[in-house]
Amino acid sequence: MAFNVSVIYKAIDQFTQPVKKMAAASKEMQAAISPLSKPVSMGGLISGIGMLAGGFAALEGLKSSVAYVTEFEDKLLELSALTGATGTDLESLKYSAMKLGKQFGQSGTDVMEGMKLIGGAKPELLSNIPALQSVTKEVMTLSKASGVDMATASRVVAESLNQMGAGADQAARFVNVLAAEAKLGSSEVDETGRAVIKSAVAAKMSGASFEQLNSMIESLAHGGIKAEMAGTGLAAVLMKLSAKGYTVGKQGLDGMFGKLKTSLEKVKDPAKRTAELMKLVGLENVDVATILMNSAGSMDAYTKSLTGTSIASEQAAIRMQSVSAKWAQLKATVQEKLVMVFDEGSMSLMGDFLDRMKQQIDTLDPAGLQVIGAAFGLVGMAISGIVQLIGLLVGAFVELIGLLGKAAKLLALVFAYIGSGGSVDFGAEMKAILPESQSFADLVGMGKDKPVTGEIQINVNDPKGVLKSVSAAGNGVDMPTGKNMAGAG
């Protein structure tokens, strides 16, 4: 069986046209890019655009800085109005806010907002600046340790102190109890805070400490009762039991609820026992009382685990090691420097600068604005043309890869034919690769070697210049011709 090896050479020869396509597309792309890097008329238009863009970027950065400084100033004045602080006291609040902001990665404005919330919830702190600063620091520690926001941490700490009748000097203790409960128990800081608000007064009347109150809240949370529901039910149970002589006192929580449980267990009939409990606490509070009684024997140990810890500070320190926390600290440091810079009288200079810029913009006539518009249109059209040409270049690579695959099949067929001693049905295999109805050139997608055409023609001296067509014959890629660049963009 004879075989004409020249078909392989013909196949390889088809690489010529894809390479030509790639070269043509590359030249078109280079032609499109080159006008952007050359000096142009119309007053150095391209370089002017760059300067204009840089100027606006600088202006935006400046505007952002000024916005932060003015917001800081507004918050400081609000705090002054709320606390009555002026002079050195107001300066102390300002620098305290910036210092705490750097330490915890919060903006000074957020810190002062926290001071406002704390002062609003615990008004006696408004006349005691050092105490307000101290409580604010503890609130921020809790916020960082537990992950709750400043507003939530401020509300929970201030209202817990209020409900338990504790002073600002107890803030650190309360914060550590709340953080320990969030870490060791089933109730999160916000949930615990909402329960405390509803039950703290009753807990105090029954002789319970803040640690013991949190232990009871945890028992209920473990039993599936949380937040306001836990607080409301707990308050009712404690009030009703106190009226019957059941208080915490020296016996502790295990003693109080253990005593109640022992008393009820004397009633052997379960129905009568439930009825007796209903008389003590009310039908709606039976579930809460039952959970607390069943927790007797473990609540005092849990109370001890909440007592005298420094968990809040430890947790906060761990969280402050993250990259995001360090980034927040850096941002707060930059914001502090902004406040200090603008604090030296720069605000008035900034006002003068903005006035002068406004005057300069006012002097631009319509013709000048039209030139700027045309410039942006020019850039937009040039970029669009470049994108089209990149598409053509990618297409040429795809065709080349397809051709490589088909040439490899033909070469493998030749080796198989020779290696088998002519036993391979070469004709049949050839038809599978090159059907009789198709020429090799058509099969690889080259058609009749249709050329790639296209150009970008921009007259930079005329704002109404046009972008000519960019196309590849036979591939369906076309851009509308005669598009006015001044209207592009």
Protein backbone atom coordinates (compact mmCIF):
# COMPACT_ATOMS: atom_id res chain seq x y z
CA MET A 1 0.00 0.00 0.00
CA ALA A 2 1.60 3.24 -1.13
CA PHE A 3 1.60 6.38 1.07
CA ASN A 4 2.39 9.98 0.12
CA VAL A 5 4.23 11.54 3.10
CA SER A 6 3.86 15.03 1.56
CA VAL A 7 0.49 15.40 3.34
CA ILE A 8 2.43 15.91 6.58
CA TYR A 9 4.40 18.77 5.07
CA LYS A 10 1.17 20.32 3.82
CA ALA A 11 -0.28 20.09 7.30
CA ILE A 12 2.75 21.71 8.88
CA ASP A 13 2.75 24.41 6.21
CA GLN A 14 -0.65 25.52 7.51
CA PHE A 15 1.10 27.02 10.56
CA THR A 16 2.10 29.96 8.36
CA GLN A 17 -1.31 31.64 8.34
CA PRO A 18 -1.98 31.49 12.13
CA VAL A 19 1.43 33.03 12.77
CA LYS A 20 0.65 35.78 10.26
CA LYS A 21 -2.64 36.40 12.02
CA MET A 22 -0.88 36.72 15.37
CA ALA A 23 1.68 39.13 13.94
CA ALA A 24 -1.04 41.26 12.33
CA ALA A 25 -3.05 41.40 15.55
CA SER A 26 0.05 42.33 17.53
CA LYS A 27 0.81 45.20 15.12
CA GLU A 28 -2.76 46.47 15.39
CA MET A 29 -2.53 46.41 19.16
CA GLN A 30 0.77 48.28 19.14
CA ALA A 31 -0.67 50.85 16.76
CA ALA A 32 -3.61 51.39 19.11
CA ILE A 33 -1.44 51.83 22.19
CA SER A 34 1.26 54.07 20.72
CA PRO A 35 -0.83 57.29 20.50
CA LEU A 36 -1.36 57.12 24.26
CA SER A 37 2.36 57.28 24.97
CA LYS A 38 3.31 60.00 22.47
CA PRO A 39 3.12 63.76 22.99
CA VAL A 40 -0.06 65.13 21.51
CA SER A 41 -1.36 68.51 20.59
CA MET A 42 -4.33 70.23 22.19
CA GLY A 43 -2.15 71.49 25.01
CA GLY A 44 -0.59 68.17 26.05
CA LEU A 45 -3.97 66.54 26.39
CA ILE A 46 -2.97 63.13 27.66
CA SER A 47 -0.56 64.43 30.29
CA GLY A 48 -3.19 66.95 31.27
CA ILE A 49 -5.69 64.15 31.88
CA GLY A 50 -3.19 62.38 34.13
CA MET A 51 -2.60 65.54 36.13
CA LEU A 52 -6.33 66.16 36.39
CA ALA A 53 -6.97 62.60 37.61
CA GLY A 54 -4.14 62.87 40.13
CA GLY A 55 -5.50 66.18 41.33
CA PHE A 56 -8.97 64.78 41.87
CA ALA A 57 -7.53 61.74 43.70
CA ALA A 58 -5.59 64.05 46.02
CA LEU A 59 -8.71 66.16 46.51
CA GLU A 60 -10.76 63.08 47.43
CA GLY A 61 -8.12 62.02 49.98
CA LEU A 62 -8.06 65.53 51.40
CA LYS A 63 -11.86 65.62 51.55
CA SER A 64 -11.91 62.31 53.44
CA SER A 65 -9.36 63.61 55.95
CA VAL A 66 -11.26 66.83 56.50
CA ALA A 67 -14.52 64.91 56.89
CA TYR A 68 -13.02 62.79 59.68
CA VAL A 69 -11.56 65.81 61.50
CA THR A 70 -14.83 67.73 61.33
CA GLU A 71 -16.76 64.67 62.57
CA PHE A 72 -14.29 64.33 65.45
CA GLU A 73 -14.79 68.00 66.29
CA ASP A 74 -18.58 67.60 66.20
CA LYS A 75 -18.47 64.57 68.56
CA LEU A 76 -16.21 66.43 70.95
CA LEU A 77 -18.59 69.37 71.10
CA GLU A 78 -21.54 66.98 71.69
CA LEU A 79 -19.63 65.40 74.56
CA SER A 80 -18.82 68.85 75.93
CA ALA A 81 -22.50 69.79 75.88
CA LEU A 82 -23.47 66.51 77.59
CA THR A 83 -20.80 66.54 80.32
CA GLY A 84 -20.33 70.27 80.69
CA ALA A 85 -16.60 69.72 80.25
CA THR A 86 -14.59 72.67 78.93
CA GLY A 87 -10.97 73.77 78.87
CA THR A 88 -8.55 71.21 80.32
CA ASP A 89 -11.34 68.70 81.07
CA LEU A 90 -12.43 68.74 77.43
CA GLU A 91 -8.81 68.41 76.29
CA SER A 92 -8.47 65.43 78.63
CA LEU A 93 -11.53 63.78 77.05
CA LYS A 94 -10.21 64.43 73.57
CA TYR A 95 -6.77 62.93 74.15
CA SER A 96 -8.27 60.06 76.14
CA ALA A 97 -10.50 59.22 73.15
CA MET A 98 -7.52 59.26 70.77
CA LYS A 99 -5.37 57.18 73.15
CA LEU A 100 -8.06 54.53 73.67
CA GLY A 101 -8.74 54.53 69.94
CA LYS A 102 -5.11 53.69 69.17
CA GLN A 103 -5.01 51.03 71.88
CA PHE A 104 -8.14 49.18 70.76
CA GLY A 105 -8.19 50.01 67.05
CA GLN A 106 -11.27 52.25 67.20
CA SER A 107 -11.70 55.73 65.76
CA GLY A 108 -11.72 58.59 68.24
CA THR A 109 -15.26 59.44 67.13
CA ASP A 110 -16.43 55.91 68.05
CA VAL A 111 -14.79 56.19 71.46
CA MET A 112 -16.52 59.49 72.17
CA GLU A 113 -19.84 58.03 71.02
CA GLY A 114 -19.26 55.26 73.57
CA MET A 115 -18.60 57.88 76.25
CA LYS A 116 -21.91 59.51 75.36
CA LEU A 117 -23.79 56.23 75.65
CA ILE A 118 -22.14 55.37 78.96
CA GLY A 119 -22.81 58.84 80.35
CA GLY A 120 -26.40 58.69 79.17
CA ALA A 121 -26.97 55.30 80.85
CA LYS A 122 -25.10 56.24 84.04
CA PRO A 123 -25.52 60.03 84.44
CA GLU A 124 -23.36 60.36 87.56
CA LEU A 125 -20.32 59.69 85.37
CA LEU A 126 -20.97 62.88 83.40
CA SER A 127 -19.68 64.97 86.28
CA ASN A 128 -16.73 62.68 86.95
CA ILE A 129 -14.42 62.78 83.93
CA PRO A 130 -11.76 60.33 85.28
CA ALA A 131 -14.48 57.80 86.16
CA LEU A 132 -16.07 58.20 82.72
CA GLN A 133 -12.69 57.57 81.08
CA SER A 134 -12.08 54.51 83.29
CA VAL A 135 -15.47 52.93 82.54
CA THR A 136 -15.03 53.65 78.83
CA LYS A 137 -11.75 51.73 78.83
CA GLU A 138 -13.44 48.73 80.48
CA VAL A 139 -16.30 48.88 78.00
CA MET A 140 -13.85 48.85 75.11
CA THR A 141 -12.07 45.87 76.67
CA LEU A 142 -15.36 43.96 76.80
CA SER A 143 -16.17 44.99 73.23
CA LYS A 144 -12.84 43.70 71.96
CA ALA A 145 -12.89 40.55 74.13
CA SER A 146 -16.40 39.44 73.18
CA GLY A 147 -16.69 40.87 69.67
CA VAL A 148 -19.82 42.95 70.42
CA ASP A 149 -19.97 46.53 69.19
CA MET A 150 -19.29 49.56 71.37
CA ALA A 151 -22.96 50.49 71.67
CA THR A 152 -23.92 47.02 72.99
CA ALA A 153 -20.97 46.83 75.38
CA SER A 154 -21.72 50.36 76.69
CA ARG A 155 -25.37 49.54 77.32
CA VAL A 156 -24.70 46.19 79.03
CA VAL A 157 -21.98 47.49 81.37
CA ALA A 158 -23.68 50.75 82.33
CA GLU A 159 -27.10 49.17 82.93
CA SER A 160 -25.59 46.23 84.84
CA LEU A 161 -23.85 48.68 87.17
CA ASN A 162 -27.08 50.63 87.56
CA GLN A 163 -29.31 47.61 88.19
CA MET A 164 -26.95 46.16 90.79
CA GLY A 165 -26.37 49.56 92.42
CA ALA A 166 -22.61 49.40 91.79
CA GLY A 167 -20.27 52.32 91.22
CA ALA A 168 -17.79 53.01 88.43
CA ASP A 169 -15.03 51.35 90.48
CA GLN A 170 -16.77 48.00 89.90
CA ALA A 171 -16.74 48.31 86.11
CA ALA A 172 -13.64 46.12 85.64
CA ARG A 173 -15.15 43.37 87.82
CA PHE A 174 -18.46 43.40 85.94
CA VAL A 175 -16.70 43.37 82.58
CA ASN A 176 -14.65 40.30 83.52
CA VAL A 177 -17.74 38.46 84.78
CA LEU A 178 -19.58 39.18 81.53
CA ALA A 179 -16.59 38.12 79.43
CA ALA A 180 -16.13 34.94 81.48
CA GLU A 181 -19.82 34.04 81.08
CA ALA A 182 -19.57 34.57 77.29
CA LYS A 183 -16.46 32.35 77.14
CA LEU A 184 -17.47 29.58 79.57
CA GLY A 185 -21.25 29.52 79.21
CA SER A 186 -24.10 29.39 76.72
CA SER A 187 -25.18 33.03 76.96
CA GLU A 188 -23.49 35.71 74.86
CA VAL A 189 -22.80 39.20 76.21
CA ASP A 190 -25.81 40.81 74.55
CA GLU A 191 -28.14 38.01 75.72
CA THR A 192 -26.75 38.16 79.26
CA GLY A 193 -27.13 41.93 79.31
CA ARG A 194 -30.81 41.73 78.30
CA ALA A 195 -31.42 39.12 81.02
CA VAL A 196 -29.59 41.22 83.63
CA ILE A 197 -31.71 44.30 82.90
CA LYS A 198 -34.89 42.32 83.67
CA SER A 199 -33.66 40.43 86.74
CA ALA A 200 -30.85 42.35 88.48
CA VAL A 201 -33.08 44.24 90.93
CA ALA A 202 -34.81 41.04 92.08
CA ALA A 203 -31.43 39.26 92.33
CA LYS A 204 -30.03 42.00 94.52
CA MET A 205 -33.12 41.88 96.79
CA SER A 206 -32.67 38.13 97.21
CA GLY A 207 -29.04 38.66 98.26
CA ALA A 208 -27.38 37.46 95.03
CA SER A 209 -24.12 38.95 93.77
CA PHE A 210 -23.51 39.86 90.13
CA GLU A 211 -21.53 36.62 89.75
CA GLN A 212 -24.41 34.59 91.20
CA LEU A 213 -26.90 36.38 88.94
CA ASN A 214 -24.79 35.39 85.93
CA SER A 215 -24.65 31.80 87.19
CA MET A 216 -28.46 31.63 87.32
CA ILE A 217 -28.71 33.20 83.86
CA GLU A 218 -26.27 30.57 82.55
CA SER A 219 -28.34 27.74 84.07
CA LEU A 220 -31.41 29.02 82.24
CA ALA A 221 -29.45 29.53 78.99
CA HIS A 222 -28.19 25.94 79.24
CA GLY A 223 -31.82 24.91 79.57
CA GLY A 224 -32.82 26.87 76.47
CA ILE A 225 -34.21 30.04 78.08
CA LYS A 226 -32.24 33.19 77.21
CA ALA A 227 -32.22 36.99 77.06
CA GLU A 228 -35.39 38.85 78.11
CA MET A 229 -37.36 35.64 78.62
CA ALA A 230 -34.74 34.37 81.06
CA GLY A 231 -34.55 37.70 82.86
CA THR A 232 -38.32 38.11 83.22
CA GLY A 233 -38.85 34.54 84.45
CA LEU A 234 -35.89 34.70 86.84
CA ALA A 235 -37.07 37.98 88.34
CA ALA A 236 -40.55 36.56 88.98
CA VAL A 237 -39.20 33.35 90.58
CA LEU A 238 -36.76 35.22 92.84
CA MET A 239 -39.39 37.71 93.97
CA LYS A 240 -41.96 35.01 94.77
CA LEU A 241 -39.44 32.79 96.53
CA SER A 242 -38.12 35.74 98.55
CA ALA A 243 -41.67 36.33 99.75
CA LYS A 244 -41.73 32.71 101.00
CA GLY A 245 -38.38 33.03 102.80
CA TYR A 246 -36.14 31.52 100.11
CA THR A 247 -33.13 33.82 99.65
CA VAL A 248 -29.52 33.30 98.61
CA GLY A 249 -27.78 34.66 101.69
CA LYS A 250 -24.86 32.62 103.01
CA GLN A 251 -26.28 29.33 101.76
CA GLY A 252 -25.48 30.19 98.16
CA LEU A 253 -27.43 29.21 95.08
CA ASP A 254 -27.01 25.47 95.62
CA GLY A 255 -28.31 25.84 99.15
CA MET A 256 -31.30 27.99 98.18
CA PHE A 257 -32.54 25.92 95.24
CA GLY A 258 -31.46 22.64 96.86
CA LYS A 259 -33.61 23.49 99.86
CA LEU A 260 -36.58 24.25 97.57
CA LYS A 261 -36.09 20.98 95.68
CA THR A 262 -35.87 18.95 98.92
CA SER A 263 -39.05 20.58 100.23
CA LEU A 264 -41.02 19.74 97.10
CA GLU A 265 -39.73 16.17 96.93
CA LYS A 266 -41.49 15.48 100.21
CA VAL A 267 -44.68 15.54 98.16
CA LYS A 268 -44.65 12.06 96.58
CA ASP A 269 -47.45 12.57 94.08
CA PRO A 270 -45.92 14.24 90.96
CA ALA A 271 -49.17 16.06 90.13
CA LYS A 272 -49.50 17.43 93.63
CA ARG A 273 -45.79 18.38 93.60
CA THR A 274 -46.28 20.38 90.40
CA ALA A 275 -49.37 22.03 91.88
CA GLU A 276 -47.34 23.01 94.94
CA LEU A 277 -44.62 24.55 92.76
CA MET A 278 -47.27 26.47 90.81
CA LYS A 279 -48.52 27.97 94.08
CA LEU A 280 -44.99 29.13 94.89
CA VAL A 281 -43.89 30.67 91.57
CA GLY A 282 -46.93 30.81 89.27
CA LEU A 283 -47.88 28.65 86.32
CA GLU A 284 -45.89 30.72 83.79
CA ASN A 285 -42.67 30.35 85.83
CA VAL A 286 -42.71 26.60 86.52
CA ASP A 287 -40.17 25.86 83.75
CA VAL A 288 -37.71 28.47 85.06
CA ALA A 289 -38.01 27.26 88.67
CA THR A 290 -37.61 23.61 87.59
CA ILE A 291 -34.40 24.35 85.64
CA LEU A 292 -32.92 26.24 88.60
CA MET A 293 -33.79 23.43 91.05
CA ASN A 294 -32.25 20.83 88.74
CA SER A 295 -29.08 22.97 88.56
CA ALA A 296 -28.65 22.90 92.34
CA GLY A 297 -25.28 21.31 93.09
CA SER A 298 -23.44 22.92 90.17
CA MET A 299 -24.29 26.65 90.36
CA ASP A 300 -21.90 27.55 93.19
CA ALA A 301 -18.98 25.97 91.34
CA TYR A 302 -19.88 27.91 88.20
CA THR A 303 -20.17 31.11 90.25
CA LYS A 304 -16.62 30.53 91.48
CA SER A 305 -15.36 30.20 87.89
CA LEU A 306 -16.76 33.66 87.13
CA THR A 307 -15.19 35.29 90.20
CA GLY A 308 -11.93 37.24 90.27
CA THR A 309 -10.87 36.55 86.68
CA SER A 310 -9.09 38.73 84.14
CA ILE A 311 -10.66 36.95 81.18
CA ALA A 312 -11.77 40.17 79.47
CA SER A 313 -8.24 41.54 79.29
CA GLU A 314 -6.82 38.18 78.22
CA GLN A 315 -9.39 37.70 75.47
CA ALA A 316 -8.94 41.27 74.25
CA ALA A 317 -5.16 40.81 74.10
CA ILE A 318 -5.56 37.66 72.01
CA ARG A 319 -7.93 39.32 69.56
CA MET A 320 -5.60 42.30 69.19
CA GLN A 321 -2.92 40.03 67.69
CA SER A 322 -4.82 39.61 64.41
CA VAL A 323 -3.73 41.43 61.26
CA SER A 324 -7.11 43.17 61.01
CA ALA A 325 -6.77 44.45 64.59
CA LYS A 326 -3.26 45.78 63.92
CA TRP A 327 -4.51 47.45 60.75
CA ALA A 328 -7.30 49.09 62.77
CA GLN A 329 -4.71 50.34 65.27
CA LEU A 330 -2.64 51.82 62.45
CA LYS A 331 -5.71 53.52 61.02
CA ALA A 332 -6.57 54.96 64.45
CA THR A 333 -2.99 56.26 64.77
CA VAL A 334 -3.23 58.01 61.40
CA GLN A 335 -6.57 59.53 62.42
CA GLU A 336 -5.00 60.83 65.63
CA LYS A 337 -2.26 62.54 63.62
CA LEU A 338 -4.88 64.09 61.34
CA VAL A 339 -6.66 65.60 64.34
CA MET A 340 -3.38 66.94 65.70
CA VAL A 341 -2.36 68.45 62.35
CA PHE A 342 -5.67 70.15 61.71
CA ASP A 343 -5.79 71.23 65.32
CA GLU A 344 -3.02 73.73 64.61
CA GLY A 345 -5.22 76.09 62.65
CA SER A 346 -5.13 74.28 59.33
CA MET A 347 -8.90 74.19 59.03
CA SER A 348 -9.02 77.88 58.08
CA LEU A 349 -6.28 77.35 55.49
CA MET A 350 -8.26 74.45 54.06
CA GLY A 351 -11.29 76.66 53.75
CA ASP A 352 -9.25 79.23 51.79
CA PHE A 353 -7.93 76.49 49.51
CA LEU A 354 -11.43 75.19 48.73
CA ASP A 355 -12.63 78.74 47.99
CA ARG A 356 -9.78 79.30 45.54
CA MET A 357 -10.38 75.97 43.82
CA LYS A 358 -14.04 76.86 43.39
CA GLN A 359 -13.04 80.17 41.83
CA GLN A 360 -10.72 78.41 39.38
CA ILE A 361 -13.45 75.99 38.29
CA ASP A 362 -15.86 78.91 37.85
CA THR A 363 -13.45 80.47 35.30
CA LEU A 364 -13.70 77.48 32.92
CA ASP A 365 -15.78 78.41 29.87
CA PRO A 366 -17.97 75.91 27.91
CA ALA A 367 -15.25 75.47 25.27
CA GLY A 368 -12.76 74.38 27.93
CA LEU A 369 -15.23 71.90 29.37
CA GLN A 370 -15.84 70.51 25.84
CA VAL A 371 -12.11 69.90 25.41
CA ILE A 372 -12.00 67.99 28.73
CA GLY A 373 -14.98 65.89 27.63
CA ALA A 374 -13.33 65.14 24.30
CA ALA A 375 -10.18 64.06 26.11
CA PHE A 376 -12.01 61.51 28.21
CA GLY A 377 -13.84 60.31 25.08
CA LEU A 378 -10.51 59.81 23.30
CA VAL A 379 -9.17 57.62 26.09
CA GLY A 380 -12.39 55.59 26.24
CA MET A 381 -12.38 54.87 22.50
CA ALA A 382 -8.70 53.92 22.48
CA ILE A 383 -9.21 51.46 25.35
CA SER A 384 -12.22 49.95 23.57
CA GLY A 385 -10.13 49.38 20.43
CA ILE A 386 -7.36 47.75 22.43
CA VAL A 387 -9.82 45.33 24.00
CA GLN A 388 -11.09 44.32 20.55
CA LEU A 389 -7.56 43.68 19.29
CA ILE A 390 -6.68 41.58 22.34
CA GLY A 391 -9.70 39.44 21.47
CA LEU A 392 -8.35 38.89 17.93
CA LEU A 393 -4.95 37.93 19.29
CA VAL A 394 -6.47 35.36 21.64
CA GLY A 395 -8.49 33.95 18.72
CA ALA A 396 -5.29 33.40 16.72
CA PHE A 397 -3.77 31.43 19.59
CA VAL A 398 -6.86 29.23 19.81
CA GLU A 399 -6.65 28.43 16.08
CA LEU A 400 -2.96 27.61 16.42
CA ILE A 401 -3.62 25.17 19.28
CA GLY A 402 -6.34 23.43 17.25
CA LEU A 403 -4.01 23.08 14.29
CA LEU A 404 -1.28 21.58 16.49
CA GLY A 405 -3.72 18.89 17.63
CA LYS A 406 -4.71 17.89 14.07
CA ALA A 407 -1.08 17.86 12.86
CA ALA A 408 -0.14 15.63 15.81
CA LYS A 409 -2.88 13.15 14.87
CA LEU A 410 -1.56 12.94 11.29
CA LEU A 411 2.02 12.46 12.47
CA ALA A 412 0.97 9.72 14.90
CA LEU A 413 -0.90 7.98 12.06
CA VAL A 414 2.25 7.95 9.92
CA PHE A 415 4.29 6.36 12.74
CA ALA A 416 1.54 3.82 13.43
CA TYR A 417 1.44 2.87 9.73
CA ILE A 418 5.21 2.45 9.51
CA GLY A 419 5.48 0.63 12.86
CA SER A 420 2.74 -1.85 11.96
CA GLY A 421 4.35 -2.75 8.66
CA GLY A 422 1.46 -1.33 6.70
CA SER A 423 -1.25 -3.22 8.58
CA VAL A 424 -3.08 -0.05 9.65
CA ASP A 425 -5.92 0.94 7.32
CA PHE A 426 -4.36 4.30 6.53
CA GLY A 427 -7.09 5.46 4.17
CA ALA A 428 -9.88 4.94 6.69
CA GLU A 429 -7.91 6.64 9.45
CA MET A 430 -7.14 9.60 7.17
CA LYS A 431 -10.83 10.06 6.40
CA ALA A 432 -11.57 10.20 10.14
CA ILE A 433 -9.15 13.12 10.49
CA LEU A 434 -9.74 14.80 7.12
CA PRO A 435 -13.28 14.06 5.82
CA GLU A 436 -13.50 14.14 2.01
CA SER A 437 -16.07 16.92 2.15
CA GLN A 438 -13.60 19.29 3.78
CA SER A 439 -10.24 20.61 2.76
CA PHE A 440 -7.53 20.67 5.41
CA ALA A 441 -7.53 24.46 5.50
CA ASP A 442 -11.30 24.56 6.09
CA LEU A 443 -11.06 21.91 8.79
CA VAL A 444 -8.59 23.92 10.86
CA GLY A 445 -10.76 27.01 10.53
CA MET A 446 -8.54 29.11 8.32
CA GLY A 447 -10.99 29.25 5.39
CA LYS A 448 -9.20 30.83 2.43
CA ASP A 449 -6.60 32.66 4.48
CA LYS A 450 -8.81 35.71 4.97
CA PRO A 451 -6.70 38.50 6.41
CA VAL A 452 -7.15 40.30 9.72
CA THR A 453 -7.90 43.97 9.15
CA GLY A 454 -8.40 46.90 11.41
CA GLU A 455 -7.03 50.19 12.53
CA ILE A 456 -7.62 52.93 15.06
CA GLN A 457 -7.29 56.38 13.57
CA ILE A 458 -7.41 59.27 16.02
CA ASN A 459 -6.87 62.88 15.07
CA VAL A 460 -5.85 64.47 18.37
CA ASN A 461 -6.02 67.94 16.81
CA ASP A 462 -9.73 67.53 16.22
CA PRO A 463 -12.03 66.78 19.21
CA LYS A 464 -14.51 65.34 16.70
CA GLY A 465 -12.13 62.73 15.28
CA VAL A 466 -13.43 59.20 14.72
CA LEU A 467 -12.43 55.64 15.51
CA LYS A 468 -12.37 53.46 12.38
CA SER A 469 -13.50 49.84 12.33
CA VAL A 470 -11.64 47.01 13.99
CA SER A 471 -12.52 43.60 12.50
CA ALA A 472 -11.28 40.20 11.46
CA ALA A 473 -12.74 38.97 8.19
CA GLY A 474 -14.96 35.99 8.71
CA ASN A 475 -14.82 35.94 12.54
CA GLY A 476 -17.81 38.15 13.27
CA VAL A 477 -15.90 40.72 15.37
CA ASP A 478 -16.73 44.27 14.35
CA MET A 479 -16.87 47.69 15.97
CA PRO A 480 -19.18 50.36 14.54
CA THR A 481 -17.32 52.87 12.37
CA GLY A 482 -17.37 56.63 12.48
CA LYS A 483 -17.96 56.87 16.23
CA ASN A 484 -17.41 60.43 17.45
CA MET A 485 -14.83 60.31 20.22
CA ALA A 486 -16.16 63.42 21.96
CA GLY A 487 -19.38 61.57 22.60
CA ALA A 488 -17.69 58.39 23.79
CA GLY A 489 -16.94 57.39 27.25
